Structures are given as structure tokens and as C-alpha cells.
Amino acid sequence: MNQFLEISDQVKAALDSKQPVIALESTIISHGMPYPQNVETALACEAVAREHGAQPATIAVIGGKLCAGLTRDQIEYLGKTGAAMRKASRRDLPYLIATKQDGATTVAATMIIAHMAGIGIFATGGVGGVHRGAETSMDISADLEELATTPVAVVCAGAKSILDLGLTLEYLETKGIPVVGYKTDVLPAFYTNESDFKVPIRANSVEEIARMIQAQQALAYPGGMLITNPIPQQYAMPAQRINHAISQALTEADEQGVKGKDVTPFLLARVVDLTGGDSLKSNIQLVFNNVALAARIATAMADY
């Protein structure tokens, strides 16, 4: 095992006995929503995973250790620290290890640590992608590059709707990343299931997705798979309303000079404000939905 990797006893026992395990990220705790909702949501996600037959492994960097499986106290610490916690992507891991610091892991970093631990599937809210205006800013999430290189399947509610969905799909195609819609032909847009873009592959059952992941592994392809899972309709927001809030948030970010890794947290927080908190409620429900699907896929994979 890698000297910098620390797997919790519960996660290790599940992996050793070949029981279903799913990874969960930690930027949703530190940067995704306010305290105490962030901690409550993280603990509820772990409970949802267990209810659907899988051991959760929430991932973060603590004291320079790449942790797969956090204690309640560690989750509480991430939640209380909030946005002051370093947002850790691939580029940040060597620095955090060397200086023995803490970091909340993005999709990219969570995939890296999950793969090191032997965890093949990961549930998140929305994956990063190509930002609007990327043709001049070159702002493309490291999540997409990680999907092209690290063999972990990622369950999400599509790309975050603050992004350019069309360019994100094009980038995923260029990198040869399978994009699968679970019981949908349309690429979900995080808060809403309405979008103008279709997914290349539709899967109508958990078992079908499990077989695709195993086939990809057997072919020894580099990279993972993106599984898009629509937010339950009762929690979805009207596309017109959410798009109006996003447009206003983007204008404000530009006016205030918000750039780089600060863009996504800024936009998500402003969208929450502009929707009177409704987008946060949707966010929480879509995460629960993704965790449940990832756990069911992991269970199906363990059965084969």
C-alpha cells in the first residue's frame, strides 16, 4: 500500500472481503454548502450508501495523509473549516503530503485516492467541465482530464449547469470517456433535467451499467466512465429559473474578477442566494440520488 494512503478499518474490511464500497468527495463538505448542512448532508450520504448495500469511503487529505474513510469528527472538522479548507485537486496532493496539511478533495483528487485504495466507483453531485467562455479563458476542469486517465466510474447529476454543457460533452468525446445516461437520453444539467444535449449511451438498468464498467476494466482502457443520473423530478428546478440565476451569477463573477478555482464556489453560492435557497435543496437531493445509484451499481458489480 502507498505510504501516504490511510484506509479506515471499516473501508479496509469491506475491500478485503470484496464487499461493495463507494467513494465520496469532500469539497461538497467544505465548499459545497454552509455549516451545519454540509456535515448533515455528508453523514446522510454515508447513511444512504449503507442503506443501499455499500460501505461509504468519504475521502480527504488530513495531516498530509490521503484518507479513504473519515471519522465523524473529521467530517465535522471539514464542515466547520468550510471554505478556509484548501480545495485539493491533482496538482495539490504532493504539496499537501510534503507539508502535512489538510485538503478537501475535488472529483479529480477523489478519483486518484479512490483508485489507490482499490475503490472503483464514486458518487458526487456534478462533475466539473468546460466553463463558459473557455475559448478565451482556457478554464477547463481537471476533473475531465482525470476521467481520461484514472479508471474510476463517476456517478453524477451531469455537469454543473454553470458550465458550457455542449463543450463539456465535446471534450469528453475527444478524451474517449464513455458518457452514460441512466434511464435518460438527455444530459442532465445538475439542478434540472432539461438540456439541449443528448448522452451518447443510455442504460436502462443498474446491471447494464455494472457490466459496462467491468467490460471497460477488462479491456484495460485508461480512464473511467461518467454516469449521469437525472435529479428526481420532484426536486428539479425549472430550467428558465435556474438559467436566469446562473446568468446573473456569471455576470457578477466577471464584474468582481473572480477567477480560477474560486469561480465554482462563488457561482454556486450566488445561485443559492438568487434562488432563495431552493438550489441548495435540489443539490442535496440530487447528491442523495447519486449515492444511492452508485451503491446499487457497486452491489451489482460485487454480485458478478
Foldseek 3Di string as FASTA:
>chain_A
DDPQEDEDPVVVVCVVVLWFEAEEFFLCQQQVDAPPVSLVLVVVLQVLLVVLGYHYFYWWQAQLHTYGRDDSVVSVVSNVCHPVAAEDAPVCNVVCNVRRHIHTYALRSRLVNCVVVVHAEYEYEAHFAAAPVCVPVVDGDCNLVSQLAGAHEYEYQAHALNGDRVVRLVSNVVSVAQEEEAQDQAGGHRQAHDDPHGHPHYDDDLLVVLVVSVVCVVVVHGGYHYYHYHQPPVLHDPPVQLVVQSVVQVVVCVVVVPDDPRSVSSSSVSSCVSVVNSSVSSSSRRRSVRSSSRSNSSNSNSVD
